[in-house]
C-alpha atoms as a PDB file:
ATOM      1  CA  MET A   1     130.401  84.237  94.574  1.00  0.00           C
ATOM      2  CA  LYS A   2     127.333  85.916  95.800  1.00  0.00           C
ATOM      3  CA  ARG A   3     128.633  85.952  99.205  1.00  0.00           C
ATOM      4  CA  TYR A   4     131.685  88.009  98.129  1.00  0.00           C
ATOM      5  CA  VAL A   5     129.585  90.441  96.044  1.00  0.00           C
ATOM      6  CA  ARG A   6     127.247  90.970  99.225  1.00  0.00           C
ATOM      7  CA  LEU A   7     130.291  91.676 101.299  1.00  0.00           C
ATOM      8  CA  ALA A   8     131.600  94.013  98.510  1.00  0.00           C
ATOM      9  CA  TYR A   9     128.384  96.011  98.674  1.00  0.00           C
ATOM     10  CA  TRP A  10     128.673  96.284 102.485  1.00  0.00           C
ATOM     11  CA  ALA A  11     132.199  97.323 102.223  1.00  0.00           C
ATOM     12  CA  ASN A  12     131.336  99.779  99.472  1.00  0.00           C
ATOM     13  CA  ALA A  13     128.546 101.416 101.657  1.00  0.00           C
ATOM     14  CA  ALA A  14     130.567 101.420 104.731  1.00  0.00           C
ATOM     15  CA  SER A  15     133.553 102.961 103.222  1.00  0.00           C
ATOM     16  CA  PHE A  16     131.398 105.780 101.608  1.00  0.00           C
ATOM     17  CA  VAL A  17     129.956 106.613 105.154  1.00  0.00           C
ATOM     18  CA  LEU A  18     133.201 106.356 106.807  1.00  0.00           C
ATOM     19  CA  GLY A  19     134.962 108.550 104.253  1.00  0.00           C
ATOM     20  CA  LEU A  20     132.181 111.123 104.187  1.00  0.00           C
ATOM     21  CA  THR A  21     132.194 111.300 108.095  1.00  0.00           C
ATOM     22  CA  THR A  22     136.106 111.686 108.003  1.00  0.00           C
ATOM     23  CA  MET A  23     135.887 114.534 105.790  1.00  0.00           C
ATOM     24  CA  VAL A  24     133.275 116.302 107.853  1.00  0.00           C
ATOM     25  CA  LEU A  25     135.542 115.734 111.085  1.00  0.00           C
ATOM     26  CA  MET A  26     138.614 117.059 109.160  1.00  0.00           C
ATOM     27  CA  ILE A  27     136.817 120.284 108.476  1.00  0.00           C
ATOM     28  CA  ILE A  28     135.414 120.582 111.979  1.00  0.00           C
ATOM     29  CA  THR A  29     138.446 119.895 113.659  1.00  0.00           C
ATOM     30  CA  GLN A  30     140.613 121.926 111.299  1.00  0.00           C
ATOM     31  CA  HIS A  31     143.038 119.033 110.784  1.00  0.00           C
ATOM     32  CA  ARG A  32     143.945 118.930 114.626  1.00  0.00           C
ATOM     33  CA  PHE A  33     144.091 115.057 114.332  1.00  0.00           C
ATOM     34  CA  ASP A  34     146.625 114.928 111.362  1.00  0.00           C
ATOM     35  CA  PRO A  35     147.834 112.582 110.047  1.00  0.00           C
ATOM     36  CA  TYR A  36     145.267 110.156 111.492  1.00  0.00           C
ATOM     37  CA  LEU A  37     142.077 111.447 109.887  1.00  0.00           C
ATOM     38  CA  PRO A  38     143.860 111.932 106.440  1.00  0.00           C
ATOM     39  CA  ALA A  39     145.120 108.256 106.632  1.00  0.00           C
ATOM     40  CA  LEU A  40     141.567 107.051 107.525  1.00  0.00           C
ATOM     41  CA  LEU A  41     140.159 109.020 104.726  1.00  0.00           C
ATOM     42  CA  PHE A  42     142.547 107.542 102.304  1.00  0.00           C
ATOM     43  CA  LEU A  43     141.808 104.002 103.619  1.00  0.00           C
ATOM     44  CA  SER A  44     138.156 104.468 103.148  1.00  0.00           C
ATOM     45  CA  LEU A  45     138.556 105.863  99.567  1.00  0.00           C
ATOM     46  CA  ALA A  46     140.731 103.006  98.636  1.00  0.00           C
ATOM     47  CA  VAL A  47     138.130 100.509  99.967  1.00  0.00           C
ATOM     48  CA  LEU A  48     135.562 102.361  98.288  1.00  0.00           C
ATOM     49  CA  ILE A  49     137.371 102.055  94.794  1.00  0.00           C
ATOM     50  CA  VAL A  50     138.303  98.533  95.264  1.00  0.00           C
ATOM     51  CA  SER A  51     134.735  97.323  96.216  1.00  0.00           C
ATOM     52  CA  ALA A  52     133.264  99.419  93.463  1.00  0.00           C
ATOM     53  CA  LEU A  53     135.483  97.835  90.813  1.00  0.00           C
ATOM     54  CA  TYR A  54     134.748  94.311  92.254  1.00  0.00           C
ATOM     55  CA  ILE A  55     131.024  95.010  92.238  1.00  0.00           C
ATOM     56  CA  SER A  56     131.173  96.012  88.509  1.00  0.00           C
ATOM     57  CA  TRP A  57     133.130  93.059  87.556  1.00  0.00           C
ATOM     58  CA  LYS A  58     131.145  90.116  86.244  1.00  0.00           C
ATOM     59  CA  PRO A  59     132.614  86.745  85.983  1.00  0.00           C
ATOM     60  CA  LYS A  60     132.479  85.086  82.484  1.00  0.00           C
ATOM     61  CA  MET A  61     130.780  81.894  82.211  1.00  0.00           C
ATOM     62  CA  THR A  62     130.680  79.371  79.553  1.00  0.00           C
ATOM     63  CA  ALA A  63     127.481  78.190  77.949  1.00  0.00           C
ATOM     64  CA  GLU A  64     127.966  74.739  79.707  1.00  0.00           C
ATOM     65  CA  GLN A  65     128.591  76.553  83.212  1.00  0.00           C
ATOM     66  CA  LYS A  66     125.288  78.556  82.698  1.00  0.00           C
ATOM     67  CA  LYS A  67     123.399  75.261  81.908  1.00  0.00           C
ATOM     68  CA  LYS A  68     124.916  73.721  85.029  1.00  0.00           C
ATOM     69  CA  TRP A  69     123.739  76.813  87.094  1.00  0.00           C
ATOM     70  CA  ARG A  70     120.261  76.484  85.969  1.00  0.00           C
ATOM     71  CA  VAL A  71     120.054  72.740  86.584  1.00  0.00           C
ATOM     72  CA  GLY A  72     121.692  73.297  90.020  1.00  0.00           C
ATOM     73  CA  THR A  73     119.190  76.182  90.705  1.00  0.00           C
ATOM     74  CA  VAL A  74     116.232  73.971  89.720  1.00  0.00           C
ATOM     75  CA  LYS A  75     117.346  70.962  91.910  1.00  0.00           C
ATOM     76  CA  PHE A  76     117.659  73.249  94.828  1.00  0.00           C
ATOM     77  CA  TYR A  77     114.231  74.787  94.707  1.00  0.00           C
ATOM     78  CA  ARG A  78     112.546  71.598  93.804  1.00  0.00           C
ATOM     79  CA  GLU A  79     113.702  70.279  97.251  1.00  0.00           C
ATOM     80  CA  LEU A  80     111.676  73.330  98.640  1.00  0.00           C
ATOM     81  CA  GLY A  81     108.532  72.345  96.789  1.00  0.00           C
ATOM     82  CA  PHE A  82     108.917  74.664  93.793  1.00  0.00           C
ATOM     83  CA  PHE A  83     108.002  73.438  90.208  1.00  0.00           C
ATOM     84  CA  SER A  84     105.902  70.681  91.716  1.00  0.00           C
ATOM     85  CA  GLU A  85     103.597  70.476  88.658  1.00  0.00           C
ATOM     86  CA  TYR A  86     106.442  68.980  86.666  1.00  0.00           C
ATOM     87  CA  GLY A  87     106.368  65.855  88.782  1.00  0.00           C
ATOM     88  CA  ASP A  88     109.309  63.450  88.179  1.00  0.00           C
ATOM     89  CA  LEU A  89     110.702  65.163  85.179  1.00  0.00           C
ATOM     90  CA  PRO A  90     114.725  64.945  85.671  1.00  0.00           C
ATOM     91  CA  ASP A  91     116.342  68.262  86.827  1.00  0.00           C
ATOM     92  CA  GLU A  92     118.260  68.639  83.647  1.00  0.00           C
ATOM     93  CA  LYS A  93     115.190  68.396  81.317  1.00  0.00           C
ATOM     94  CA  LEU A  94     113.048  70.580  83.563  1.00  0.00           C
ATOM     95  CA  ALA A  95     115.946  73.340  83.649  1.00  0.00           C
ATOM     96  CA  SER A  96     115.905  72.945  79.627  1.00  0.00           C
ATOM     97  CA  LYS A  97     112.294  73.267  79.617  1.00  0.00           C
ATOM     98  CA  LEU A  98     112.040  76.246  81.851  1.00  0.00           C
ATOM     99  CA  ASN A  99     114.639  78.062  80.040  1.00  0.00           C
ATOM    100  CA  SER A 100     112.811  77.463  76.729  1.00  0.00           C
ATOM    101  CA  LEU A 101     109.704  78.833  78.238  1.00  0.00           C
ATOM    102  CA  TYR A 102     111.563  81.891  79.340  1.00  0.00           C
ATOM    103  CA  ARG A 103     113.192  82.224  75.946  1.00  0.00           C
ATOM    104  CA  LYS A 104     109.756  82.165  74.257  1.00  0.00           C
ATOM    105  CA  LYS A 105     108.603  84.843  76.598  1.00  0.00           C
ATOM    106  CA  THR A 106     111.569  87.162  76.469  1.00  0.00           C
ATOM    107  CA  GLY A 107     113.627  86.182  73.477  1.00  0.00           C
ATOM    108  CA  ASP A 108     116.684  85.348  75.794  1.00  0.00           C
ATOM    109  CA  SER A 109     117.893  82.492  77.880  1.00  0.00           C
ATOM    110  CA  ILE A 110     118.047  82.646  81.721  1.00  0.00           C
ATOM    111  CA  ASP A 111     121.701  83.972  82.037  1.00  0.00           C
ATOM    112  CA  PRO A 112     123.278  84.267  85.685  1.00  0.00           C
ATOM    113  CA  THR A 113     125.584  86.904  84.474  1.00  0.00           C
ATOM    114  CA  VAL A 114     122.972  89.341  82.983  1.00  0.00           C
ATOM    115  CA  PRO A 115     122.212  91.382  84.930  1.00  0.00           C
ATOM    116  CA  SER A 116     122.992  89.462  87.804  1.00  0.00           C
ATOM    117  CA  GLU A 117     122.844  86.004  89.399  1.00  0.00           C
ATOM    118  CA  GLU A 118     120.163  87.147  91.910  1.00  0.00           C
ATOM    119  CA  ILE A 119     117.837  88.667  89.150  1.00  0.00           C
ATOM    120  CA  ALA A 120     118.368  85.515  87.097  1.00  0.00           C
ATOM    121  CA  GLU A 121     117.328  83.344  89.950  1.00  0.00           C
ATOM    122  CA  PHE A 122     114.177  85.399  90.284  1.00  0.00           C
ATOM    123  CA  GLU A 123     113.445  85.098  86.717  1.00  0.00           C
ATOM    124  CA  LEU A 124     113.602  81.472  86.989  1.00  0.00           C
ATOM    125  CA  LEU A 125     111.451  81.222  90.067  1.00  0.00           C
ATOM    126  CA  SER A 126     108.821  83.420  88.405  1.00  0.00           C
ATOM    127  CA  LEU A 127     108.084  80.682  86.047  1.00  0.00           C
ATOM    128  CA  ASP A 128     106.456  78.866  89.017  1.00  0.00           C
ATOM    129  CA  GLU A 129     103.400  81.119  89.426  1.00  0.00           C
ATOM    130  CA  SER A 130     101.978  79.016  92.081  1.00  0.00           C
ATOM    131  CA  ARG A 131     104.980  79.641  94.520  1.00  0.00           C
ATOM    132  CA  PHE A 132     106.460  83.017  93.455  1.00  0.00           C
ATOM    133  CA  TRP A 133     105.338  86.581  92.408  1.00  0.00           C
ATOM    134  CA  MET A 134     107.564  89.197  90.974  1.00  0.00           C
ATOM    135  CA  SER A 135     106.822  92.637  89.520  1.00  0.00           C
ATOM    136  CA  GLU A 136     108.647  95.884  88.378  1.00  0.00           C
ATOM    137  CA  LEU A 137     108.206  98.620  90.710  1.00  0.00           C
ATOM    138  CA  GLU A 138     107.000 100.949  88.055  1.00  0.00           C
ATOM    139  CA  THR A 139     104.017  99.201  86.492  1.00  0.00           C
ATOM    140  CA  ASP A 140     100.299  99.773  85.369  1.00  0.00           C
ATOM    141  CA  ILE A 141      98.560 101.135  88.365  1.00  0.00           C
ATOM    142  CA  PHE A 142      95.463 103.312  87.507  1.00  0.00           C
ATOM    143  CA  PRO A 143      91.674 103.103  87.960  1.00  0.00           C
ATOM    144  CA  GLY A 144      90.261  99.977  86.294  1.00  0.00           C
ATOM    145  CA  GLU A 145      93.568  97.972  86.077  1.00  0.00           C
ATOM    146  CA  LYS A 146      92.889  96.459  89.622  1.00  0.00           C
ATOM    147  CA  TYR A 147      96.483  95.895  90.203  1.00  0.00           C
ATOM    148  CA  TYR A 148      96.194  95.740  94.010  1.00  0.00           C
ATOM    149  CA  ALA A 149      93.238  93.285  93.990  1.00  0.00           C
ATOM    150  CA  ASP A 150      95.086  91.152  91.510  1.00  0.00           C
ATOM    151  CA  LEU A 151      98.139  91.222  93.772  1.00  0.00           C
ATOM    152  CA  VAL A 152      96.025  90.122  96.797  1.00  0.00           C
ATOM    153  CA  GLU A 153      94.727  87.215  94.570  1.00  0.00           C
ATOM    154  CA  LYS A 154      98.163  86.145  93.657  1.00  0.00           C
ATOM    155  CA  LEU A 155      99.566  86.327  97.140  1.00  0.00           C
ATOM    156  CA  GLY A 156      96.560  83.853  97.920  1.00  0.00           C
ATOM    157  CA  LYS A 157      97.708  81.728  94.991  1.00  0.00           C
ATOM    158  CA  ILE A 158     101.302  81.407  96.347  1.00  0.00           C
ATOM    159  CA  SER A 159     100.320  81.240  99.998  1.00  0.00           C
ATOM    160  CA  ARG A 160     100.433  77.276 100.145  1.00  0.00           C
ATOM    161  CA  GLY A 161      96.987  77.387 101.450  1.00  0.00           C
ATOM    162  CA  VAL A 162      97.358  79.505 104.456  1.00  0.00           C
ATOM    163  CA  PHE A 163      95.852  82.709 102.966  1.00  0.00           C
ATOM    164  CA  ASN A 164      92.600  82.445 100.934  1.00  0.00           C
ATOM    165  CA  PRO A 165      91.215  85.906 100.259  1.00  0.00           C
ATOM    166  CA  THR A 166      87.637  86.017  98.737  1.00  0.00           C
ATOM    167  CA  ASP A 167      85.446  88.854  97.455  1.00  0.00           C
ATOM    168  CA  ILE A 168      88.432  90.997  96.466  1.00  0.00           C
ATOM    169  CA  THR A 169      87.539  94.510  95.324  1.00  0.00           C
ATOM    170  CA  GLU A 170      89.579  97.598  94.441  1.00  0.00           C
ATOM    171  CA  THR A 171      88.017 100.897  94.120  1.00  0.00           C
ATOM    172  CA  TRP A 172      89.315 104.459  93.464  1.00  0.00           C
ATOM    173  CA  GLU A 173      87.655 107.674  94.702  1.00  0.00           C
ATOM    174  CA  SER A 174      89.291 109.591  91.964  1.00  0.00           C
ATOM    175  CA  GLU A 175      92.191 109.199  89.379  1.00  0.00           C
ATOM    176  CA  LYS A 176      94.622 109.734  92.155  1.00  0.00           C
ATOM    177  CA  GLY A 177      92.952 107.934  95.006  1.00  0.00           C
ATOM    178  CA  PRO A 178      92.342 107.335  97.745  1.00  0.00           C
ATOM    179  CA  ILE A 179      92.510 103.732  96.797  1.00  0.00           C
ATOM    180  CA  HIS A 180      90.564 101.119  98.879  1.00  0.00           C
ATOM    181  CA  VAL A 181      91.345  97.407  98.491  1.00  0.00           C
ATOM    182  CA  GLU A 182      88.891  95.200 100.297  1.00  0.00           C
ATOM    183  CA  PHE A 183      88.757  91.374 100.776  1.00  0.00           C
ATOM    184  CA  THR A 184      87.555  88.688 103.206  1.00  0.00           C
ATOM    185  CA  ALA A 185      90.109  86.325 104.983  1.00  0.00           C
ATOM    186  CA  ASN A 186      89.328  83.937 107.814  1.00  0.00           C
ATOM    187  CA  GLY A 187      85.689  85.371 107.998  1.00  0.00           C
ATOM    188  CA  VAL A 188      86.841  88.945 108.515  1.00  0.00           C
ATOM    189  CA  ARG A 189      86.424  91.673 106.061  1.00  0.00           C
ATOM    190  CA  HIS A 190      89.758  93.775 105.702  1.00  0.00           C
ATOM    191  CA  CYS A 191      90.287  97.230 103.994  1.00  0.00           C
ATOM    192  CA  LEU A 192      93.808  98.374 102.987  1.00  0.00           C
ATOM    193  CA  GLN A 193      94.620 101.733 101.322  1.00  0.00           C
ATOM    194  CA  PRO A 194      97.622 101.720  99.232  1.00  0.00           C
ATOM    195  CA  LYS A 195      99.128 105.066  98.473  1.00  0.00           C
ATOM    196  CA  TYR A 196      98.856 106.540  95.103  1.00  0.00           C
ATOM    197  CA  ASP A 197     102.277 107.296  93.488  1.00  0.00           C
ATOM    198  CA  ARG A 198     101.573 107.618  89.721  1.00  0.00           C
ATOM    199  CA  ASP A 199     102.376 104.214  88.300  1.00  0.00           C
ATOM    200  CA  TRP A 200     104.647 103.112  91.086  1.00  0.00           C
ATOM    201  CA  LEU A 201     103.911 100.273  93.380  1.00  0.00           C
ATOM    202  CA  ASP A 202     103.318 101.070  97.046  1.00  0.00           C
ATOM    203  CA  THR A 203     105.669  98.554  98.636  1.00  0.00           C
ATOM    204  CA  ASP A 204     104.020  99.473 102.194  1.00  0.00           C
ATOM    205  CA  PHE A 205     100.907  97.597 100.871  1.00  0.00           C
ATOM    206  CA  LEU A 206     102.868  94.365 100.351  1.00  0.00           C
ATOM    207  CA  ILE A 207     104.622  94.719 103.781  1.00  0.00           C
ATOM    208  CA  LYS A 208     101.180  95.132 105.425  1.00  0.00           C
ATOM    209  CA  MET A 209     100.229  91.771 103.718  1.00  0.00           C
ATOM    210  CA  GLU A 210     102.892  89.933 105.990  1.00  0.00           C
ATOM    211  CA  ASP A 211     100.482  90.201 108.707  1.00  0.00           C
ATOM    212  CA  PHE A 212      98.098  87.794 107.349  1.00  0.00           C
ATOM    213  CA  PHE A 213     100.659  84.990 107.350  1.00  0.00           C
ATOM    214  CA  LYS A 214     101.682  85.490 111.093  1.00  0.00           C
ATOM    215  CA  GLY A 215     101.035  82.450 113.248  1.00  0.00           C
ATOM    216  CA  THR A 216     100.481  80.128 110.319  1.00  0.00           C
ATOM    217  CA  GLY A 217     103.896  78.450 110.387  1.00  0.00           C
ATOM    218  CA  TYR A 218     104.696  80.361 107.089  1.00  0.00           C
ATOM    219  CA  GLU A 219     106.088  83.868 106.146  1.00  0.00           C
ATOM    220  CA  LEU A 220     105.617  86.033 103.347  1.00  0.00           C
ATOM    221  CA  VAL A 221     109.166  86.772 102.472  1.00  0.00           C
ATOM    222  CA  ILE A 222     109.685  89.837 100.237  1.00  0.00           C
ATOM    223  CA  HIS A 223     112.802  90.835  98.209  1.00  0.00           C
ATOM    224  CA  MET A 224     112.774  94.723  98.141  1.00  0.00           C
ATOM    225  CA  GLY A 225     114.276  95.987  94.978  1.00  0.00           C
ATOM    226  CA  ASP A 226     113.467  96.387  91.319  1.00  0.00           C
ATOM    227  CA  PRO A 227     112.091  94.008  90.585  1.00  0.00           C
ATOM    228  CA  ILE A 228     110.272  93.298  93.700  1.00  0.00           C
ATOM    229  CA  ALA A 229     109.575  89.714  94.470  1.00  0.00           C
ATOM    230  CA  ALA A 230     107.785  87.608  97.119  1.00  0.00           C
ATOM    231  CA  THR A 231     107.260  83.965  98.104  1.00  0.00           C
ATOM    232  CA  VAL A 232     105.974  81.977 100.982  1.00  0.00           C
ATOM    233  CA  LEU A 233     108.377  79.948 103.109  1.00  0.00           C
ATOM    234  CA  THR A 234     108.829  78.302 106.478  1.00  0.00           C
ATOM    235  CA  PRO A 235     111.465  79.932 108.658  1.00  0.00           C
ATOM    236  CA  ASP A 236     113.868  76.870 108.085  1.00  0.00           C
ATOM    237  CA  GLU A 237     113.290  77.204 104.345  1.00  0.00           C
ATOM    238  CA  LYS A 238     114.179  80.835 104.400  1.00  0.00           C
ATOM    239  CA  LYS A 239     117.454  80.108 106.287  1.00  0.00           C
ATOM    240  CA  LYS A 240     118.343  77.462 103.938  1.00  0.00           C
ATOM    241  CA  ILE A 241     117.923  79.877 101.027  1.00  0.00           C
ATOM    242  CA  ARG A 242     119.937  82.554 102.647  1.00  0.00           C
ATOM    243  CA  ARG A 243     122.794  79.983 103.671  1.00  0.00           C
ATOM    244  CA  LYS A 244     122.815  78.094 100.251  1.00  0.00           C
ATOM    245  CA  ARG A 245     121.967  80.637  97.834  1.00  0.00           C
ATOM    246  CA  GLY A 246     122.649  84.061  99.421  1.00  0.00           C
ATOM    247  CA  LEU A 247     119.335  85.556  98.463  1.00  0.00           C
ATOM    248  CA  ILE A 248     117.943  88.355 100.733  1.00  0.00           C
ATOM    249  CA  PHE A 249     114.480  87.972 101.745  1.00  0.00           C
END
């Protein structure tokens, strides 16, 4: 299902660009290429409408199907080392336990149909704080909160031992920056300067953190979106997730 939804997004974007380009060409050429350009415009509009309807459509799932999805998701990620703290707990019991933890936290169960299967998967993975980090783009970023220092520490926690920052500090020259985030890694002192954008996360800061994982055999893989998410995987693990689960990292 995810694969088809992803194709629908691509078709939606491509048809929008094609339709807009065709309209511009019709104006510039003053309809000298009729009826070809109008036919192309009609086709692009048809694809745009159909793909938009498909994207907005959400398949209905029974409670048993949702439970099966949670169990299957837990089983898949346990094979990649997630949720290792739960030892030999059977997949079904672990899925139930994680769903209970999430329900206590939010008041709702993990539902692959609300708002989407991808977000539900992230919500489930976020319950393993030793392997997965997730945040809203608009969050508490201001002097004294030390959001970026905390982010560096959390990336170290999920790094599987390949990134171990120490002496992490975050200083603000004023309420609007500049912001200085300093830490020591591999015996070298580093200083990064995330951009101030009110209470919005500077995603470029997270992208710069990818450099600290190069040459380790692991990658800091980031899902850009809202929420934004990150985990640390081997190249083979990343390929497996994309192939089996369809997540875009």
